[in-house]
Structures are given as C-alpha cells and as structure tokens.
Amino acid sequence: MQFELDEDRALLKSSTRELLERESPLADARTVMEESPEGYEKALYAQLGELGYGSLLLSEDEGGMGVRAFAAVLSEMGRVAFPGPFLDLTLAVRALAGCEGQEAADWKARAASGEALVVMARSEGTGASEPEVETRFEGGRVRGRKRFVPFGSHADALLVSSREGLALVPRPGAGWNAVALPTIDHAQRFAEIHLDDEASLVADARRSEEILDEIDSLAALGAAALMLGLMERSLEMTVSYTMEREAFGAPIASFQALQHRCADALLQTESTRSVVFRAAWAADEAPDSARYLAAVAKGWAGPAARYVCGQAIQLHGGVGYTWEYDPHIYLKRAKTLEQFYGSTRSQLEVVLEERGV
C-alpha cells in the first residue's frame, strides 16, 4: 500500500495551501463567518470552480483527480478553517453524477463550475439520530421537511432524499421556506427547510440507496480530512504560543508537563493522518474496504480533533477561549464535524457491521 501522494496530488496540495493562505487567510475568513449572511464568498467559490476544485470527485474524463486528491484538498481547507459549503457542494456533484436525466447533468455541470450551489437535503431528525424518511415525491412535487441542510437557505437547488428516490428541486422563485438552525460553530449556516415544491425524480429508490451509501462514506472521509487540517493548525499555533509565552522566567514550552500534552496531541494528529489517507487510498484502489476504512477514519478523527483542539485552548491559558484568539474557531468546527456526516457512534456501528459483529 502506498499512502504518500504522487507528484500531481502533492502539487495540488501545496498549490491549494498557497491559494487559501492568499485568498482566504483566517483573519479575512473570520469576517465572512461572522458578518456574511451566506457564510462564504461566492466569488472565491466561483474561482475554485474555474480551477476545477468542484470536479474533484468526478471521473478523470470530467476533471476529477480521485479521493486522495479530495482528502488532500480538504485537509488544507481545515488548516484555515475555510468557511462555506465546499464539502457539501462536492458531495452533491458526485451524487448528481450518478443520477439520470439531462436536468441532473446540467445542474452537476453548473455546481462543479462554481456557477451554482447545490447541496443535499437528507436529515429529518436531530442529526445524531435519523428517523425513517417521511418526505414524498408525488405528482411532480416534493413534500416534507428537511433539517440541518448545510447552507440550504442560499442554495440554488437541493438534491432531496424521499421515499421514492432522489429528487432535484430548483430554488423556487419566492425562495426556500427555511428557518435558520444556529450551532456552536458560527461559520455554519444550517437550515430547516419545509418543502412543497416542483421537482424532478433523478434516481429511483434502488439507485438512490446506492448513491447515498457511497456519499455517506465520502462525507465521513471528507469530514475526517477537514478535522485533520484543524488538528494540524491547532497544534502549530499551540507550539508557537508555548515557545513565546513565559512563566517563572522561562518559556512554558520548557515545562515537561506541557511537552507531554503537546506530544499527545501530535500522536493524535499523526494517527489521524494515517487513517485518513489510508481510507482515501482504499476509496481509489480497494473499494471493497472503502466503507469500513472511511468509518474508521471518521470514528477516530472526531474524538482526536476534539482533544487536540481542546488542548490548544487549554495550553493558550486565559486567552485561549477569548473571541480575539483563533483556537475557539477550530474547536467549534471540530465539534460540529464530529456530530455531522455520521457521528462517532454511527461510524463505530458501521465498523462493527462491516466486521460482522
């Protein structure tokens, strides 16, 4: 097994870091998170689309580069706590690629190019537990309620799960009947959307199940990759701060107890890197084990990110939890990602299921 990135993907990773540090440094991103109703910069997302980022999960003929490239890009986005629906957009593009009809193909192209925002609307429960799907597609309309739709209020179209399959719902002229659902992460824009709108069925129930199973694994892996980036940057900030902060006439980085905590955080971070890129390799090269390894990656990354980002706040001392400093942004994002895209508990259930337990 080779988990190292090849030359093309390594170049993509480094160029993505340069792009994000130039176009979306955290100081600027904080303004977008805190003040923008959309929660992201549309012009920057259009630029990402022009550069081909929205097509990462498509076939090579359509500009895709595979799941390893997807994981590499998301880890870089995690480092800068990149705001917006990039993960949700790329998942919707991949799902649309498996759907039928010209309308699905047209929306896939528009979303991949950065021209339109398409996200999936699936949850009808709390996010942590999901009841049976009640949303229906009947007579060319979708009726039901979807909760925790990521950036749903500003989406141009929704790919909605229903009992009959996946339905594509363009934004109605009057806008969505949406209610904001704030979370601890002020960068997120979740919404509860009540649907009674014209739609097209783009995948029947059987095909829908196949698509959603694949999307679940990719979503888990993508969230784990984001958390890897959050952990990397949190640890870097923490080590830098402890080397500058002095107590009793010496940098606090010289205190053995704090060194042990940083070492534990490094172990958690590097272990996450291993499981994330092993899962990404499997998705590209060994699909029979992809679901299991994606669940392992997400199940490990959630608690690990919570620990590392939590330690960043602790080791920053009294300023660690203040709004002006950055560690709280990383912890809030990590805790949100831990619960969504398959909670730690649900990922452990997948692991046991895959191992026949």
Protein backbone atom coordinates (compact mmCIF):
# COMPACT_ATOMS: atom_id res chain seq x y z
CA MET A 1 0.00 0.00 0.00
CA GLN A 2 1.23 3.49 -0.86
CA PHE A 3 -0.34 6.29 1.16
CA GLU A 4 2.06 9.02 0.01
CA LEU A 5 0.64 11.46 -2.53
CA ASP A 6 2.01 11.17 -6.04
CA GLU A 7 3.58 14.18 -7.73
CA ASP A 8 0.34 15.56 -9.19
CA ARG A 9 -1.62 15.29 -5.94
CA ALA A 10 1.29 16.66 -3.87
CA LEU A 11 1.41 19.65 -6.22
CA LEU A 12 -2.36 20.10 -5.84
CA LYS A 13 -1.99 20.05 -2.04
CA SER A 14 0.80 22.64 -1.99
CA SER A 15 -0.89 24.91 -4.52
CA THR A 16 -4.15 24.70 -2.54
CA ARG A 17 -2.31 25.81 0.59
CA GLU A 18 -0.82 28.77 -1.25
CA LEU A 19 -4.20 29.70 -2.74
CA LEU A 20 -6.04 29.56 0.59
CA GLU A 21 -3.35 31.43 2.50
CA ARG A 22 -3.52 34.17 -0.13
CA GLU A 23 -7.26 34.32 -0.81
CA SER A 24 -8.78 33.17 2.49
CA PRO A 25 -6.48 33.80 5.45
CA LEU A 26 -8.25 33.22 8.73
CA ALA A 27 -8.26 36.92 9.58
CA ASP A 28 -10.37 37.59 6.46
CA ALA A 29 -12.39 34.39 6.78
CA ARG A 30 -13.48 35.40 10.28
CA THR A 31 -15.19 38.46 8.84
CA VAL A 32 -17.04 36.27 6.36
CA MET A 33 -18.06 33.81 9.10
CA GLU A 34 -19.27 36.49 11.46
CA GLU A 35 -20.85 39.07 9.14
CA SER A 36 -21.83 37.49 5.82
CA PRO A 37 -25.41 36.13 5.62
CA GLU A 38 -24.26 33.48 3.13
CA GLY A 39 -21.30 32.40 5.27
CA TYR A 40 -18.92 32.18 2.33
CA GLU A 41 -17.50 34.28 -0.51
CA LYS A 42 -19.33 33.48 -3.74
CA ALA A 43 -16.55 34.98 -5.85
CA LEU A 44 -13.97 32.71 -4.24
CA TYR A 45 -16.16 29.65 -4.75
CA ALA A 46 -16.56 30.65 -8.40
CA GLN A 47 -12.78 30.86 -8.64
CA LEU A 48 -12.46 27.38 -7.11
CA GLY A 49 -14.94 26.11 -9.68
CA GLU A 50 -12.94 27.64 -12.54
CA LEU A 51 -9.81 25.93 -11.20
CA GLY A 52 -11.57 22.55 -11.19
CA TYR A 53 -11.96 22.00 -7.45
CA GLY A 54 -15.67 21.30 -7.74
CA SER A 55 -14.92 18.36 -10.04
CA LEU A 56 -12.51 16.55 -7.72
CA LEU A 57 -14.82 13.58 -7.15
CA LEU A 58 -15.84 13.18 -10.79
CA SER A 59 -14.20 10.83 -13.27
CA GLU A 60 -10.84 11.76 -14.78
CA ASP A 61 -12.58 12.50 -18.09
CA GLU A 62 -14.62 15.17 -16.30
CA GLY A 63 -11.65 16.69 -14.46
CA GLY A 64 -11.61 14.55 -11.32
CA MET A 65 -8.44 13.52 -9.50
CA GLY A 66 -9.72 10.85 -7.13
CA VAL A 67 -10.45 10.59 -3.43
CA ARG A 68 -6.83 11.05 -2.35
CA ALA A 69 -6.82 14.47 -4.00
CA PHE A 70 -10.19 15.20 -2.36
CA ALA A 71 -8.76 14.36 1.08
CA ALA A 72 -5.61 16.40 0.46
CA VAL A 73 -7.59 19.50 -0.53
CA LEU A 74 -9.97 19.23 2.42
CA SER A 75 -7.11 18.85 4.90
CA GLU A 76 -5.71 22.14 3.58
CA MET A 77 -9.12 23.77 3.94
CA GLY A 78 -9.28 22.55 7.52
CA ARG A 79 -5.99 24.30 8.28
CA VAL A 80 -7.52 27.71 7.53
CA ALA A 81 -10.99 26.81 8.88
CA PHE A 82 -12.21 27.55 5.37
CA PRO A 83 -15.82 28.78 5.55
CA GLY A 84 -18.62 27.63 3.31
CA PRO A 85 -20.15 24.52 1.76
CA PHE A 86 -17.22 23.09 -0.20
CA LEU A 87 -17.59 19.57 1.19
CA ASP A 88 -21.36 19.63 0.68
CA LEU A 89 -21.01 21.00 -2.86
CA THR A 90 -18.53 18.34 -3.98
CA LEU A 91 -20.70 15.60 -2.46
CA ALA A 92 -23.73 16.89 -4.34
CA VAL A 93 -21.75 16.98 -7.59
CA ARG A 94 -20.69 13.37 -7.07
CA ALA A 95 -24.28 12.34 -6.29
CA LEU A 96 -25.61 14.12 -9.38
CA ALA A 97 -23.06 12.26 -11.49
CA GLY A 98 -24.84 9.04 -10.55
CA CYS A 99 -28.31 10.37 -11.34
CA GLU A 100 -30.27 10.15 -14.58
CA GLY A 101 -31.51 12.77 -17.00
CA GLN A 102 -30.32 15.96 -18.62
CA GLU A 103 -31.51 18.14 -15.75
CA ALA A 104 -29.22 16.33 -13.30
CA ALA A 105 -26.34 16.60 -15.78
CA ASP A 106 -26.93 20.33 -16.24
CA TRP A 107 -27.02 21.05 -12.50
CA LYS A 108 -23.91 18.90 -12.00
CA ALA A 109 -22.02 20.98 -14.54
CA ARG A 110 -23.23 24.26 -13.04
CA ALA A 111 -22.32 23.20 -9.49
CA ALA A 112 -18.89 21.82 -10.46
CA SER A 113 -18.02 25.02 -12.31
CA GLY A 114 -18.91 27.22 -9.34
CA GLU A 115 -21.85 28.79 -11.16
CA ALA A 116 -24.49 27.37 -8.76
CA LEU A 117 -24.70 25.99 -5.25
CA VAL A 118 -26.31 22.58 -4.95
CA VAL A 119 -26.40 20.71 -1.62
CA MET A 120 -28.09 17.57 -0.38
CA ALA A 121 -31.10 17.69 1.92
CA ARG A 122 -31.41 14.40 3.80
CA SER A 123 -31.77 14.75 7.55
CA GLU A 124 -35.23 14.69 9.12
CA GLY A 125 -34.09 14.13 12.71
CA THR A 126 -31.62 15.75 15.07
CA GLY A 127 -28.55 14.93 13.01
CA ALA A 128 -27.31 12.41 15.57
CA SER A 129 -30.24 10.02 15.01
CA GLU A 130 -32.37 9.66 11.91
CA PRO A 131 -35.99 8.51 11.75
CA GLU A 132 -37.47 6.82 8.70
CA VAL A 133 -37.69 9.15 5.71
CA GLU A 134 -41.12 10.78 5.51
CA THR A 135 -40.54 13.13 2.57
CA ARG A 136 -42.54 12.14 -0.52
CA PHE A 137 -42.25 12.76 -4.24
CA GLU A 138 -45.69 12.73 -5.82
CA GLY A 139 -47.19 14.36 -8.87
CA GLY A 140 -44.00 16.19 -9.78
CA ARG A 141 -43.66 17.79 -6.35
CA VAL A 142 -41.64 17.10 -3.22
CA ARG A 143 -43.38 17.48 0.12
CA GLY A 144 -41.73 17.18 3.51
CA ARG A 145 -39.35 18.74 5.99
CA LYS A 146 -35.57 18.54 5.98
CA ARG A 147 -33.41 19.60 8.91
CA PHE A 148 -29.79 20.70 9.16
CA VAL A 149 -29.49 21.35 5.44
CA PRO A 150 -26.00 22.85 5.09
CA PHE A 151 -26.16 26.36 3.62
CA GLY A 152 -29.62 25.41 2.42
CA SER A 153 -31.13 28.89 2.64
CA HIS A 154 -28.76 30.11 -0.07
CA ALA A 155 -28.72 27.01 -2.29
CA ASP A 156 -29.74 27.30 -5.93
CA ALA A 157 -31.03 23.72 -5.89
CA LEU A 158 -31.44 20.87 -3.43
CA LEU A 159 -30.94 17.16 -4.01
CA VAL A 160 -33.61 15.78 -1.69
CA SER A 161 -33.95 12.24 -0.38
CA SER A 162 -37.51 10.91 -0.45
CA ARG A 163 -39.24 7.55 -0.16
CA GLU A 164 -39.39 7.39 -3.94
CA GLY A 165 -35.72 8.26 -4.51
CA LEU A 166 -33.61 11.37 -5.04
CA ALA A 167 -35.47 14.47 -6.22
CA LEU A 168 -33.84 17.55 -7.69
CA VAL A 169 -35.55 20.73 -6.51
CA PRO A 170 -34.56 24.06 -8.11
CA ARG A 171 -34.88 27.09 -5.88
CA PRO A 172 -38.46 28.41 -6.14
CA GLY A 173 -39.00 31.99 -7.22
CA ALA A 174 -40.04 33.07 -3.74
CA GLY A 175 -37.05 31.35 -2.16
CA TRP A 176 -36.99 28.47 0.26
CA ASN A 177 -39.35 28.18 3.20
CA ALA A 178 -36.38 27.99 5.55
CA VAL A 179 -35.61 28.57 9.21
CA ALA A 180 -32.03 29.06 10.39
CA LEU A 181 -30.64 26.47 12.82
CA PRO A 182 -27.65 28.03 14.62
CA THR A 183 -24.98 25.75 16.11
CA ILE A 184 -21.91 26.43 18.24
CA ASP A 185 -19.92 26.93 15.03
CA HIS A 186 -20.82 30.41 13.85
CA ALA A 187 -19.34 29.65 10.43
CA GLN A 188 -22.08 27.12 9.65
CA ARG A 189 -25.40 28.01 8.04
CA PHE A 190 -27.71 25.08 8.72
CA ALA A 191 -31.39 25.44 7.89
CA GLU A 192 -34.66 23.62 8.35
CA ILE A 193 -36.49 23.66 5.03
CA HIS A 194 -40.17 22.91 4.53
CA LEU A 195 -40.73 21.61 1.02
CA ASP A 196 -43.81 21.74 -1.18
CA ASP A 197 -42.13 22.48 -4.48
CA GLU A 198 -41.86 21.32 -8.06
CA ALA A 199 -39.14 18.72 -8.54
CA SER A 200 -37.76 16.02 -10.81
CA LEU A 201 -37.03 12.46 -9.71
CA VAL A 202 -33.43 11.86 -10.84
CA ALA A 203 -32.81 8.50 -9.13
CA ASP A 204 -35.32 5.85 -8.14
CA ALA A 205 -35.35 4.27 -4.69
CA ARG A 206 -32.93 1.46 -5.57
CA ARG A 207 -30.42 3.70 -7.33
CA SER A 208 -30.82 6.32 -4.62
CA GLU A 209 -29.75 3.84 -1.96
CA GLU A 210 -26.59 3.00 -3.92
CA ILE A 211 -25.73 6.67 -4.40
CA LEU A 212 -26.34 7.59 -0.77
CA ASP A 213 -24.25 4.68 0.53
CA GLU A 214 -21.30 5.99 -1.48
CA ILE A 215 -21.95 9.58 -0.42
CA ASP A 216 -22.06 8.56 3.26
CA SER A 217 -18.55 7.10 3.03
CA LEU A 218 -17.18 10.08 1.10
CA ALA A 219 -18.81 12.51 3.53
CA ALA A 220 -17.27 10.70 6.51
CA LEU A 221 -13.85 10.72 4.87
CA GLY A 222 -14.15 14.36 3.84
CA ALA A 223 -15.11 15.44 7.36
CA ALA A 224 -12.18 13.44 8.78
CA ALA A 225 -9.82 15.18 6.35
CA LEU A 226 -11.14 18.57 7.42
CA MET A 227 -10.56 17.63 11.05
CA LEU A 228 -7.01 16.57 10.22
CA GLY A 229 -6.33 20.08 8.94
CA LEU A 230 -7.94 21.62 12.02
CA MET A 231 -5.69 19.50 14.23
CA GLU A 232 -2.53 20.31 12.30
CA ARG A 233 -3.02 24.04 12.55
CA SER A 234 -4.21 23.95 16.15
CA LEU A 235 -1.07 22.10 17.17
CA GLU A 236 1.17 24.50 15.24
CA MET A 237 -0.47 27.52 16.88
CA THR A 238 -0.15 25.91 20.30
CA VAL A 239 3.54 25.01 19.99
CA SER A 240 4.31 28.50 18.69
CA TYR A 241 2.44 30.13 21.58
CA THR A 242 4.10 27.99 24.27
CA MET A 243 7.52 28.88 22.89
CA GLU A 244 6.73 32.60 23.19
CA ARG A 245 4.77 32.67 26.46
CA GLU A 246 6.99 32.86 29.52
CA ALA A 247 6.32 31.95 33.14
CA PHE A 248 8.83 31.94 36.01
CA GLY A 249 11.41 33.38 33.65
CA ALA A 250 11.23 30.59 31.04
CA PRO A 251 9.11 29.70 28.02
CA ILE A 252 6.27 27.43 29.10
CA ALA A 253 7.29 25.08 26.28
CA SER A 254 10.21 24.07 28.50
CA PHE A 255 7.86 22.62 31.13
CA GLN A 256 7.76 18.85 30.83
CA ALA A 257 4.09 18.50 31.68
CA LEU A 258 3.14 20.76 28.76
CA GLN A 259 5.57 18.97 26.47
CA HIS A 260 3.76 15.71 27.24
CA ARG A 261 0.42 17.25 26.31
CA CYS A 262 1.81 18.56 23.02
CA ALA A 263 3.32 15.14 22.34
CA ASP A 264 -0.06 13.50 22.94
CA ALA A 265 -1.66 15.99 20.54
CA LEU A 266 0.98 15.21 17.91
CA LEU A 267 0.29 11.49 18.28
CA GLN A 268 -3.44 12.06 17.79
CA THR A 269 -2.79 14.25 14.73
CA GLU A 270 -0.39 11.86 13.01
CA SER A 271 -2.63 8.89 13.73
CA THR A 272 -5.48 10.78 12.09
CA ARG A 273 -3.32 11.48 9.05
CA SER A 274 -2.65 7.75 8.72
CA VAL A 275 -6.30 6.66 8.90
CA VAL A 276 -7.50 9.46 6.60
CA PHE A 277 -5.09 8.75 3.78
CA ARG A 278 -5.42 5.00 4.18
CA ALA A 279 -9.17 5.39 3.73
CA ALA A 280 -8.63 7.71 0.75
CA TRP A 281 -6.27 5.16 -0.84
CA ALA A 282 -8.87 2.43 -0.35
CA ALA A 283 -11.58 4.54 -1.98
CA ASP A 284 -9.39 4.86 -5.08
CA GLU A 285 -7.72 1.45 -5.16
CA ALA A 286 -9.58 -1.05 -2.91
CA PRO A 287 -13.31 -0.18 -2.95
CA ASP A 288 -14.30 -3.36 -1.09
CA SER A 289 -12.75 -1.94 2.09
CA ALA A 290 -13.59 1.71 1.44
CA ARG A 291 -16.74 1.87 3.60
CA TYR A 292 -15.03 0.22 6.57
CA LEU A 293 -11.92 2.41 6.40
CA ALA A 294 -13.91 5.63 5.92
CA ALA A 295 -15.87 4.80 9.08
CA VAL A 296 -12.62 4.08 10.93
CA ALA A 297 -11.22 7.44 9.81
CA LYS A 298 -14.26 9.45 10.89
CA GLY A 299 -14.72 7.45 14.10
CA TRP A 300 -11.12 8.14 15.08
CA ALA A 301 -10.85 11.73 13.85
CA GLY A 302 -13.81 13.09 15.81
CA PRO A 303 -12.57 12.41 19.35
CA ALA A 304 -8.97 13.08 18.28
CA ALA A 305 -9.82 16.52 16.87
CA ARG A 306 -11.85 17.37 19.94
CA TYR A 307 -8.83 16.50 22.10
CA VAL A 308 -6.22 18.36 20.04
CA CYS A 309 -8.31 21.49 19.52
CA GLY A 310 -9.37 21.41 23.17
CA GLN A 311 -5.74 21.20 24.27
CA ALA A 312 -4.97 24.21 22.09
CA ILE A 313 -7.38 26.27 24.18
CA GLN A 314 -6.02 24.86 27.45
CA LEU A 315 -2.39 25.49 26.54
CA HIS A 316 -3.12 29.04 25.44
CA GLY A 317 -4.17 29.67 29.03
CA GLY A 318 -6.51 32.53 29.91
CA VAL A 319 -6.59 33.95 26.39
CA GLY A 320 -7.37 30.58 24.80
CA TYR A 321 -11.14 30.92 24.94
CA THR A 322 -11.36 34.63 24.07
CA TRP A 323 -13.03 35.71 20.84
CA GLU A 324 -9.96 37.58 19.59
CA TYR A 325 -7.77 34.45 19.54
CA ASP A 326 -8.33 31.69 17.00
CA PRO A 327 -8.37 28.38 18.94
CA HIS A 328 -12.11 28.52 19.66
CA ILE A 329 -12.87 28.58 15.91
CA TYR A 330 -11.04 25.30 15.43
CA LEU A 331 -12.65 23.61 18.43
CA LYS A 332 -16.16 24.67 17.38
CA ARG A 333 -15.60 23.42 13.84
CA ALA A 334 -14.18 20.13 15.12
CA LYS A 335 -17.12 19.51 17.45
CA THR A 336 -19.60 20.28 14.66
CA LEU A 337 -17.85 17.95 12.20
CA GLU A 338 -17.71 15.24 14.85
CA GLN A 339 -21.51 15.15 15.06
CA PHE A 340 -22.37 15.61 11.39
CA TYR A 341 -21.55 13.46 8.36
CA GLY A 342 -22.04 10.42 10.56
CA SER A 343 -21.49 10.80 14.30
CA THR A 344 -18.74 8.88 16.09
CA ARG A 345 -21.32 6.43 17.40
CA SER A 346 -22.79 5.77 13.96
CA GLN A 347 -19.32 5.27 12.46
CA LEU A 348 -18.46 2.71 15.13
CA GLU A 349 -21.70 0.90 14.26
CA VAL A 350 -20.58 0.79 10.62
CA VAL A 351 -17.20 -0.62 11.67
CA LEU A 352 -18.88 -3.38 13.66
CA GLU A 353 -21.32 -4.11 10.85
CA GLU A 354 -18.51 -4.35 8.30
CA ARG A 355 -16.68 -6.78 10.56
CA GLY A 356 -19.79 -8.91 11.08
CA VAL A 357 -20.19 -8.11 14.77
